[in-house]
N, C-alpha and C. Protein backbone atom coordinates (compact mmCIF):
# COMPACT_ATOMS: atom_id res chain seq x y z
N MET A 1 -53.06 -121.63 7.42
CA MET A 1 -53.15 -120.44 8.23
C MET A 1 -51.97 -119.52 7.89
N PRO A 2 -52.27 -118.24 7.60
CA PRO A 2 -51.20 -117.34 7.18
C PRO A 2 -50.31 -116.93 8.35
N ASP A 3 -49.16 -116.38 8.02
CA ASP A 3 -48.25 -115.88 9.03
C ASP A 3 -48.57 -114.40 9.27
N ILE A 4 -49.50 -114.13 10.18
CA ILE A 4 -49.88 -112.75 10.48
C ILE A 4 -49.64 -112.49 11.96
N GLU A 5 -49.28 -111.25 12.27
CA GLU A 5 -49.02 -110.89 13.66
C GLU A 5 -50.24 -110.21 14.24
N LEU A 6 -50.75 -110.76 15.32
CA LEU A 6 -51.93 -110.22 15.99
C LEU A 6 -51.61 -109.97 17.45
N GLN A 7 -52.47 -109.18 18.08
CA GLN A 7 -52.35 -108.89 19.50
C GLN A 7 -53.66 -109.26 20.19
N CYS A 8 -53.61 -109.46 21.48
CA CYS A 8 -54.81 -109.59 22.30
C CYS A 8 -55.12 -108.19 22.84
N SER A 9 -56.32 -107.76 22.67
CA SER A 9 -56.69 -106.41 23.07
C SER A 9 -56.57 -106.21 24.58
N ALA A 10 -55.93 -105.13 24.96
CA ALA A 10 -55.85 -104.72 26.37
C ALA A 10 -56.91 -103.65 26.66
N TYR A 11 -57.80 -103.45 25.69
CA TYR A 11 -58.85 -102.44 25.78
C TYR A 11 -60.21 -103.08 25.59
N ARG A 12 -61.23 -102.32 25.97
CA ARG A 12 -62.61 -102.71 25.68
C ARG A 12 -63.29 -101.47 25.12
N VAL A 13 -63.99 -101.64 23.99
CA VAL A 13 -64.73 -100.54 23.37
C VAL A 13 -66.17 -101.00 23.15
N ARG A 14 -67.10 -100.28 23.77
CA ARG A 14 -68.53 -100.57 23.62
C ARG A 14 -69.22 -99.32 23.08
N PHE A 15 -70.27 -99.53 22.27
CA PHE A 15 -70.99 -98.42 21.66
C PHE A 15 -72.48 -98.54 21.96
N THR A 16 -73.07 -97.45 22.47
CA THR A 16 -74.50 -97.39 22.73
C THR A 16 -75.08 -96.28 21.85
N PRO A 17 -75.88 -96.64 20.83
CA PRO A 17 -76.42 -95.63 19.92
C PRO A 17 -77.44 -94.72 20.60
N THR A 18 -77.47 -93.47 20.16
CA THR A 18 -78.42 -92.50 20.67
C THR A 18 -79.86 -92.92 20.34
N ASN A 19 -80.07 -93.46 19.12
CA ASN A 19 -81.42 -93.83 18.70
C ASN A 19 -81.80 -95.27 19.05
N ASP A 20 -80.99 -95.95 19.86
CA ASP A 20 -81.32 -97.27 20.39
C ASP A 20 -80.59 -97.44 21.73
N PRO A 21 -80.97 -96.63 22.75
CA PRO A 21 -80.22 -96.63 24.01
C PRO A 21 -80.31 -97.91 24.82
N GLU A 22 -81.20 -98.81 24.45
CA GLU A 22 -81.32 -100.09 25.17
C GLU A 22 -80.31 -101.13 24.68
N THR A 23 -79.60 -100.82 23.59
CA THR A 23 -78.66 -101.77 23.00
C THR A 23 -77.24 -101.25 23.12
N THR A 24 -76.34 -102.10 23.60
CA THR A 24 -74.92 -101.78 23.63
C THR A 24 -74.18 -102.84 22.82
N VAL A 25 -73.37 -102.39 21.87
CA VAL A 25 -72.62 -103.28 20.99
C VAL A 25 -71.17 -103.31 21.47
N GLU A 26 -70.67 -104.49 21.77
CA GLU A 26 -69.27 -104.61 22.17
C GLU A 26 -68.44 -104.77 20.90
N LEU A 27 -67.82 -103.67 20.48
CA LEU A 27 -67.04 -103.67 19.24
C LEU A 27 -65.67 -104.30 19.42
N LEU A 28 -65.07 -104.08 20.59
CA LEU A 28 -63.76 -104.64 20.88
C LEU A 28 -63.78 -105.20 22.30
N PRO A 29 -63.98 -106.50 22.44
CA PRO A 29 -63.95 -107.10 23.77
C PRO A 29 -62.52 -107.18 24.30
N LEU A 30 -62.38 -107.14 25.60
CA LEU A 30 -61.08 -107.34 26.24
C LEU A 30 -60.55 -108.72 25.85
N GLY A 31 -59.30 -108.77 25.41
CA GLY A 31 -58.69 -110.04 25.03
C GLY A 31 -58.96 -110.49 23.61
N ALA A 32 -59.75 -109.74 22.85
CA ALA A 32 -60.03 -110.11 21.47
C ALA A 32 -58.78 -110.00 20.62
N LEU A 33 -58.70 -110.80 19.58
CA LEU A 33 -57.60 -110.68 18.63
C LEU A 33 -57.79 -109.42 17.82
N CYS A 34 -56.71 -108.67 17.60
CA CYS A 34 -56.77 -107.44 16.81
C CYS A 34 -55.42 -107.21 16.15
N ASP A 35 -55.43 -106.39 15.10
CA ASP A 35 -54.17 -106.05 14.43
C ASP A 35 -53.31 -105.15 15.31
N SER A 36 -53.96 -104.22 16.01
CA SER A 36 -53.24 -103.30 16.90
C SER A 36 -54.19 -102.78 17.97
N GLN A 37 -53.64 -102.23 19.02
CA GLN A 37 -54.45 -101.65 20.09
C GLN A 37 -55.15 -100.40 19.55
N PRO A 38 -56.27 -99.99 20.15
CA PRO A 38 -56.95 -98.78 19.68
C PRO A 38 -56.00 -97.58 19.63
N GLU A 39 -56.24 -96.76 18.64
CA GLU A 39 -55.35 -95.62 18.39
C GLU A 39 -56.17 -94.34 18.34
N LYS A 40 -55.69 -93.32 19.01
CA LYS A 40 -56.34 -92.00 19.00
C LYS A 40 -55.47 -91.05 18.21
N SER A 41 -56.10 -90.24 17.37
CA SER A 41 -55.35 -89.24 16.61
C SER A 41 -56.19 -87.99 16.44
N GLY A 42 -55.55 -86.92 16.11
CA GLY A 42 -56.26 -85.66 15.90
C GLY A 42 -55.75 -84.60 16.84
N GLN A 43 -56.52 -83.53 16.96
CA GLN A 43 -56.13 -82.41 17.79
C GLN A 43 -57.21 -82.05 18.78
N TYR A 44 -56.78 -81.61 19.94
CA TYR A 44 -57.70 -81.13 20.95
C TYR A 44 -57.96 -79.66 20.70
N ALA A 45 -59.11 -79.18 21.12
CA ALA A 45 -59.43 -77.76 21.02
C ALA A 45 -60.58 -77.46 21.97
N THR A 46 -60.70 -76.22 22.34
CA THR A 46 -61.82 -75.82 23.18
C THR A 46 -63.00 -75.45 22.29
N GLN A 47 -64.17 -75.43 22.86
CA GLN A 47 -65.38 -75.12 22.10
C GLN A 47 -65.28 -73.72 21.51
N ALA A 48 -65.55 -73.60 20.23
CA ALA A 48 -65.58 -72.30 19.57
C ALA A 48 -67.00 -71.74 19.62
N ASP A 49 -67.11 -70.44 19.51
CA ASP A 49 -68.43 -69.83 19.45
C ASP A 49 -69.13 -70.27 18.18
N ASN A 50 -70.42 -70.56 18.28
CA ASN A 50 -71.19 -70.96 17.11
C ASN A 50 -71.39 -69.77 16.19
N THR A 51 -71.07 -69.97 14.93
CA THR A 51 -71.37 -68.96 13.92
C THR A 51 -72.55 -69.38 13.07
N ILE A 52 -72.80 -70.66 13.05
CA ILE A 52 -73.97 -71.20 12.36
C ILE A 52 -74.76 -71.95 13.42
N GLY A 53 -76.05 -71.72 13.49
CA GLY A 53 -76.85 -72.34 14.54
C GLY A 53 -77.25 -73.77 14.26
N ALA A 54 -76.41 -74.54 13.64
CA ALA A 54 -76.74 -75.93 13.32
C ALA A 54 -76.45 -76.84 14.49
N ALA A 55 -77.28 -77.83 14.69
CA ALA A 55 -77.12 -78.75 15.81
C ALA A 55 -75.83 -79.56 15.71
N TRP A 56 -75.37 -79.84 14.49
CA TRP A 56 -74.16 -80.66 14.35
C TRP A 56 -72.95 -79.99 14.93
N GLN A 57 -72.97 -78.68 15.12
CA GLN A 57 -71.80 -77.99 15.65
C GLN A 57 -71.46 -78.41 17.08
N ARG A 58 -72.44 -78.88 17.84
CA ARG A 58 -72.16 -79.30 19.21
C ARG A 58 -71.10 -80.39 19.23
N HIS A 59 -71.07 -81.19 18.18
CA HIS A 59 -70.09 -82.27 18.14
C HIS A 59 -69.04 -82.06 17.05
N HIS A 60 -69.48 -81.69 15.88
CA HIS A 60 -68.59 -81.67 14.73
C HIS A 60 -67.74 -80.42 14.60
N SER A 61 -68.05 -79.38 15.31
CA SER A 61 -67.25 -78.17 15.20
C SER A 61 -66.83 -77.71 16.58
N ARG A 62 -65.83 -78.33 17.11
CA ARG A 62 -65.32 -77.99 18.45
C ARG A 62 -63.99 -77.27 18.29
N GLY A 63 -64.05 -76.04 17.77
CA GLY A 63 -62.83 -75.27 17.61
C GLY A 63 -61.84 -75.93 16.68
N ASN A 64 -62.32 -76.50 15.61
CA ASN A 64 -61.51 -77.18 14.60
C ASN A 64 -60.87 -78.47 15.13
N ALA A 65 -61.36 -78.98 16.22
CA ALA A 65 -60.84 -80.25 16.75
C ALA A 65 -61.39 -81.40 15.93
N SER A 66 -60.61 -82.41 15.78
CA SER A 66 -61.06 -83.61 15.08
C SER A 66 -60.33 -84.79 15.70
N LEU A 67 -60.91 -85.34 16.75
CA LEU A 67 -60.32 -86.50 17.42
C LEU A 67 -60.94 -87.77 16.84
N ILE A 68 -60.10 -88.71 16.49
CA ILE A 68 -60.56 -89.97 15.90
C ILE A 68 -60.03 -91.13 16.74
N LEU A 69 -60.89 -92.10 17.00
CA LEU A 69 -60.50 -93.35 17.66
C LEU A 69 -60.65 -94.46 16.63
N ARG A 70 -59.55 -95.18 16.36
CA ARG A 70 -59.57 -96.28 15.40
C ARG A 70 -59.26 -97.58 16.14
N ALA A 71 -59.95 -98.64 15.73
CA ALA A 71 -59.69 -99.95 16.34
C ALA A 71 -60.17 -101.05 15.39
N ASP A 72 -59.84 -102.27 15.74
CA ASP A 72 -60.29 -103.42 14.95
C ASP A 72 -60.43 -104.62 15.87
N ALA A 73 -61.16 -105.62 15.42
CA ALA A 73 -61.32 -106.86 16.18
C ALA A 73 -61.69 -108.00 15.25
N TYR A 74 -61.09 -109.16 15.50
CA TYR A 74 -61.45 -110.38 14.78
C TYR A 74 -62.50 -111.11 15.59
N ARG A 75 -63.51 -111.63 14.92
CA ARG A 75 -64.52 -112.41 15.61
C ARG A 75 -64.72 -113.74 14.88
N TRP A 76 -64.53 -114.83 15.62
CA TRP A 76 -64.72 -116.16 15.08
C TRP A 76 -66.20 -116.52 15.08
N THR A 77 -66.64 -117.27 14.07
CA THR A 77 -68.01 -117.77 14.01
C THR A 77 -67.97 -119.27 13.72
N PRO A 78 -69.04 -119.99 14.06
CA PRO A 78 -69.02 -121.45 13.87
C PRO A 78 -69.05 -121.91 12.41
N SER A 79 -69.44 -121.02 11.48
CA SER A 79 -69.49 -121.40 10.06
C SER A 79 -69.40 -120.16 9.19
N HIS A 80 -69.18 -120.39 7.90
CA HIS A 80 -69.14 -119.26 6.97
C HIS A 80 -70.52 -118.60 6.90
N TYR A 81 -71.57 -119.39 7.00
CA TYR A 81 -72.94 -118.86 7.03
C TYR A 81 -73.10 -117.86 8.18
N HIS A 82 -72.64 -118.22 9.37
CA HIS A 82 -72.74 -117.33 10.54
C HIS A 82 -71.89 -116.07 10.36
N ALA A 83 -70.74 -116.21 9.70
CA ALA A 83 -69.89 -115.05 9.43
C ALA A 83 -70.60 -114.06 8.51
N GLN A 84 -71.21 -114.56 7.45
CA GLN A 84 -71.95 -113.69 6.53
C GLN A 84 -73.11 -113.00 7.24
N LYS A 85 -73.82 -113.75 8.06
CA LYS A 85 -74.95 -113.19 8.81
C LYS A 85 -74.48 -112.10 9.78
N LEU A 86 -73.42 -112.37 10.53
CA LEU A 86 -72.88 -111.40 11.48
C LEU A 86 -72.41 -110.14 10.75
N ARG A 87 -71.73 -110.34 9.63
CA ARG A 87 -71.24 -109.21 8.84
C ARG A 87 -72.40 -108.30 8.42
N GLU A 88 -73.43 -108.88 7.83
CA GLU A 88 -74.56 -108.07 7.35
C GLU A 88 -75.30 -107.39 8.50
N GLU A 89 -75.54 -108.12 9.57
CA GLU A 89 -76.25 -107.54 10.72
C GLU A 89 -75.49 -106.37 11.31
N MET A 90 -74.17 -106.53 11.50
CA MET A 90 -73.37 -105.47 12.11
C MET A 90 -73.24 -104.26 11.19
N GLU A 91 -73.00 -104.50 9.90
CA GLU A 91 -72.88 -103.37 8.97
C GLU A 91 -74.15 -102.54 8.95
N PHE A 92 -75.28 -103.19 8.77
CA PHE A 92 -76.54 -102.43 8.71
C PHE A 92 -76.86 -101.77 10.03
N TYR A 93 -76.60 -102.46 11.14
CA TYR A 93 -76.89 -101.85 12.45
C TYR A 93 -76.07 -100.59 12.65
N MET A 94 -74.79 -100.65 12.37
CA MET A 94 -73.93 -99.48 12.57
C MET A 94 -74.28 -98.35 11.61
N TRP A 95 -74.62 -98.67 10.38
CA TRP A 95 -75.01 -97.63 9.43
C TRP A 95 -76.29 -96.94 9.85
N GLU A 96 -77.20 -97.70 10.46
CA GLU A 96 -78.49 -97.14 10.89
C GLU A 96 -78.39 -96.45 12.24
N HIS A 97 -77.31 -96.64 12.97
CA HIS A 97 -77.13 -96.07 14.30
C HIS A 97 -75.74 -95.44 14.41
N PRO A 98 -75.47 -94.37 13.67
CA PRO A 98 -74.10 -93.85 13.60
C PRO A 98 -73.68 -92.93 14.75
N GLU A 99 -74.59 -92.54 15.61
CA GLU A 99 -74.25 -91.58 16.66
C GLU A 99 -74.60 -92.16 18.02
N GLY A 100 -73.75 -91.90 19.00
CA GLY A 100 -74.03 -92.41 20.33
C GLY A 100 -72.92 -92.15 21.32
N VAL A 101 -72.82 -93.08 22.29
CA VAL A 101 -71.83 -92.96 23.36
C VAL A 101 -70.87 -94.15 23.27
N LEU A 102 -69.59 -93.85 23.28
CA LEU A 102 -68.56 -94.87 23.26
C LEU A 102 -68.05 -95.05 24.68
N ASP A 103 -68.04 -96.29 25.16
CA ASP A 103 -67.48 -96.62 26.47
C ASP A 103 -66.11 -97.22 26.22
N TYR A 104 -65.06 -96.48 26.58
CA TYR A 104 -63.68 -96.83 26.30
C TYR A 104 -63.03 -97.21 27.64
N ALA A 105 -62.42 -98.38 27.72
CA ALA A 105 -61.84 -98.83 28.99
C ALA A 105 -60.51 -99.53 28.75
N THR A 106 -59.59 -99.34 29.72
CA THR A 106 -58.28 -100.00 29.66
C THR A 106 -57.71 -100.13 31.07
N ALA A 107 -56.50 -100.65 31.15
CA ALA A 107 -55.80 -100.86 32.42
C ALA A 107 -56.64 -101.72 33.36
N PHE A 108 -56.81 -102.97 33.02
CA PHE A 108 -57.63 -103.89 33.79
C PHE A 108 -56.83 -104.52 34.92
N ASP A 109 -57.47 -104.67 36.08
CA ASP A 109 -56.78 -105.31 37.20
C ASP A 109 -56.92 -106.83 37.08
N GLU A 110 -56.38 -107.54 38.05
CA GLU A 110 -56.38 -109.01 37.98
C GLU A 110 -57.78 -109.62 38.01
N ASN A 111 -58.78 -108.87 38.46
CA ASN A 111 -60.16 -109.35 38.46
C ASN A 111 -60.92 -108.92 37.21
N MET A 112 -60.20 -108.38 36.25
CA MET A 112 -60.74 -107.96 34.95
C MET A 112 -61.65 -106.73 35.04
N HIS A 113 -61.45 -105.91 36.06
CA HIS A 113 -62.19 -104.66 36.18
C HIS A 113 -61.33 -103.54 35.61
N PRO A 114 -61.91 -102.66 34.78
CA PRO A 114 -61.10 -101.58 34.22
C PRO A 114 -60.73 -100.56 35.29
N ILE A 115 -59.51 -100.09 35.22
CA ILE A 115 -59.05 -99.05 36.12
C ILE A 115 -59.31 -97.68 35.51
N PHE A 116 -59.27 -97.62 34.16
CA PHE A 116 -59.56 -96.37 33.47
C PHE A 116 -60.75 -96.58 32.54
N THR A 117 -61.78 -95.76 32.68
CA THR A 117 -62.91 -95.77 31.76
C THR A 117 -63.26 -94.35 31.38
N LYS A 118 -63.76 -94.19 30.18
CA LYS A 118 -64.17 -92.88 29.71
C LYS A 118 -65.36 -93.04 28.78
N LYS A 119 -66.39 -92.24 28.99
CA LYS A 119 -67.54 -92.22 28.08
C LYS A 119 -67.35 -91.02 27.16
N LEU A 120 -67.51 -91.25 25.86
CA LEU A 120 -67.26 -90.23 24.86
C LEU A 120 -68.44 -90.12 23.90
N HIS A 121 -68.73 -88.91 23.47
CA HIS A 121 -69.70 -88.71 22.40
C HIS A 121 -69.03 -89.19 21.12
N ALA A 122 -69.70 -90.04 20.35
CA ALA A 122 -69.07 -90.65 19.19
C ALA A 122 -69.97 -90.62 17.97
N THR A 123 -69.36 -90.33 16.83
CA THR A 123 -70.03 -90.39 15.54
C THR A 123 -69.23 -91.33 14.66
N LEU A 124 -69.89 -92.31 14.09
CA LEU A 124 -69.22 -93.30 13.25
C LEU A 124 -68.57 -92.62 12.05
N ALA A 125 -67.28 -92.83 11.87
CA ALA A 125 -66.57 -92.28 10.72
C ALA A 125 -66.36 -93.36 9.65
N ASP A 126 -66.12 -94.60 10.09
CA ASP A 126 -65.88 -95.70 9.15
C ASP A 126 -66.18 -97.01 9.86
N PHE A 127 -66.83 -97.92 9.15
CA PHE A 127 -67.08 -99.25 9.71
C PHE A 127 -67.02 -100.25 8.57
N ARG A 128 -66.11 -101.20 8.70
CA ARG A 128 -65.99 -102.25 7.70
C ARG A 128 -66.04 -103.60 8.39
N ALA A 129 -66.80 -104.50 7.83
CA ALA A 129 -66.89 -105.87 8.32
C ALA A 129 -66.39 -106.77 7.19
N LEU A 130 -65.18 -107.27 7.33
CA LEU A 130 -64.53 -108.03 6.26
C LEU A 130 -64.59 -109.52 6.56
N LEU A 131 -65.17 -110.27 5.62
CA LEU A 131 -65.19 -111.73 5.79
C LEU A 131 -63.76 -112.25 5.70
N LEU A 132 -63.43 -113.18 6.57
CA LEU A 132 -62.09 -113.74 6.60
C LEU A 132 -61.89 -114.71 5.44
N THR A 133 -60.67 -114.76 4.96
CA THR A 133 -60.28 -115.72 3.93
C THR A 133 -59.14 -116.56 4.50
N ASP A 134 -58.70 -117.55 3.74
CA ASP A 134 -57.57 -118.37 4.20
C ASP A 134 -56.32 -117.52 4.43
N ASP A 135 -56.20 -116.40 3.71
CA ASP A 135 -55.02 -115.53 3.85
C ASP A 135 -55.15 -114.53 5.00
N THR A 136 -56.37 -114.27 5.48
CA THR A 136 -56.55 -113.25 6.52
C THR A 136 -57.04 -113.80 7.85
N SER A 137 -57.35 -115.07 7.91
CA SER A 137 -57.89 -115.64 9.14
C SER A 137 -56.79 -116.03 10.13
N PRO A 138 -56.94 -115.63 11.39
CA PRO A 138 -55.96 -116.07 12.40
C PRO A 138 -56.22 -117.50 12.88
N TRP A 139 -57.31 -118.10 12.42
CA TRP A 139 -57.68 -119.45 12.82
C TRP A 139 -57.46 -120.41 11.65
N PRO A 140 -57.43 -121.72 11.91
CA PRO A 140 -57.19 -122.69 10.84
C PRO A 140 -58.26 -122.69 9.75
N ASN A 141 -59.38 -122.05 9.99
CA ASN A 141 -60.41 -121.95 8.96
C ASN A 141 -60.75 -120.47 8.75
N ALA A 142 -61.49 -120.17 7.73
CA ALA A 142 -61.82 -118.77 7.42
C ALA A 142 -63.24 -118.45 7.86
N GLN A 143 -63.61 -118.89 9.02
CA GLN A 143 -64.97 -118.68 9.53
C GLN A 143 -64.96 -117.53 10.53
N GLY A 144 -65.18 -116.34 10.05
CA GLY A 144 -65.21 -115.21 10.95
C GLY A 144 -65.23 -113.89 10.20
N VAL A 145 -65.18 -112.82 10.98
CA VAL A 145 -65.25 -111.47 10.44
C VAL A 145 -64.18 -110.61 11.11
N HIS A 146 -63.58 -109.73 10.34
CA HIS A 146 -62.64 -108.75 10.87
C HIS A 146 -63.33 -107.40 10.81
N PHE A 147 -63.63 -106.83 11.99
CA PHE A 147 -64.28 -105.52 12.08
C PHE A 147 -63.20 -104.46 12.19
N VAL A 148 -63.28 -103.45 11.35
CA VAL A 148 -62.38 -102.30 11.37
C VAL A 148 -63.26 -101.07 11.47
N PHE A 149 -63.02 -100.24 12.49
CA PHE A 149 -63.93 -99.11 12.68
C PHE A 149 -63.19 -97.89 13.22
N SER A 150 -63.80 -96.73 12.98
CA SER A 150 -63.29 -95.50 13.55
C SER A 150 -64.46 -94.57 13.86
N PHE A 151 -64.28 -93.79 14.92
CA PHE A 151 -65.29 -92.85 15.38
C PHE A 151 -64.65 -91.48 15.56
N GLN A 152 -65.41 -90.44 15.24
CA GLN A 152 -65.02 -89.11 15.68
C GLN A 152 -65.52 -89.00 17.11
N ILE A 153 -64.67 -88.57 18.01
CA ILE A 153 -65.02 -88.54 19.43
C ILE A 153 -64.87 -87.14 20.01
N SER A 154 -65.64 -86.88 21.04
CA SER A 154 -65.51 -85.64 21.80
C SER A 154 -66.01 -85.91 23.21
N PRO A 155 -65.60 -85.07 24.17
CA PRO A 155 -66.06 -85.27 25.55
C PRO A 155 -67.57 -85.09 25.65
N ILE A 156 -68.16 -85.80 26.57
CA ILE A 156 -69.59 -85.60 26.86
C ILE A 156 -69.70 -84.43 27.80
N GLU A 157 -70.50 -83.46 27.43
CA GLU A 157 -70.64 -82.25 28.26
C GLU A 157 -71.71 -82.41 29.29
């Protein structure tokens, strides 16, 4: 087992795709092992007047704003076979469902209820599902997947 520094997530990130509203994917469970806590970057801006009548402007052109939420999570599986299966299923699912609502939560009380939650319009910017190796696994075996993802986010109007 390598000497790597990990944290237990103090956040929960769930994604519900627009084209599959019956399914919610828990990308970062509370308490999951991760390299770092979710990180937000970019700039805030108010809605600019549309100059092009394209539908993507409702999300992608908010007065030159570009807010990004980045996070990661390690997920253990019972075997390397299960890790490969989980990796392929998650990669294809996220690629086929890149737009939706992100449920972001933090500040959990002693009963594990979030004190702060926010629903955000989200577009997948990057999603990687990396099979663990002996050098990257936080567990004594390399049976699992490290999910690294980022979304462009904006408020839900």
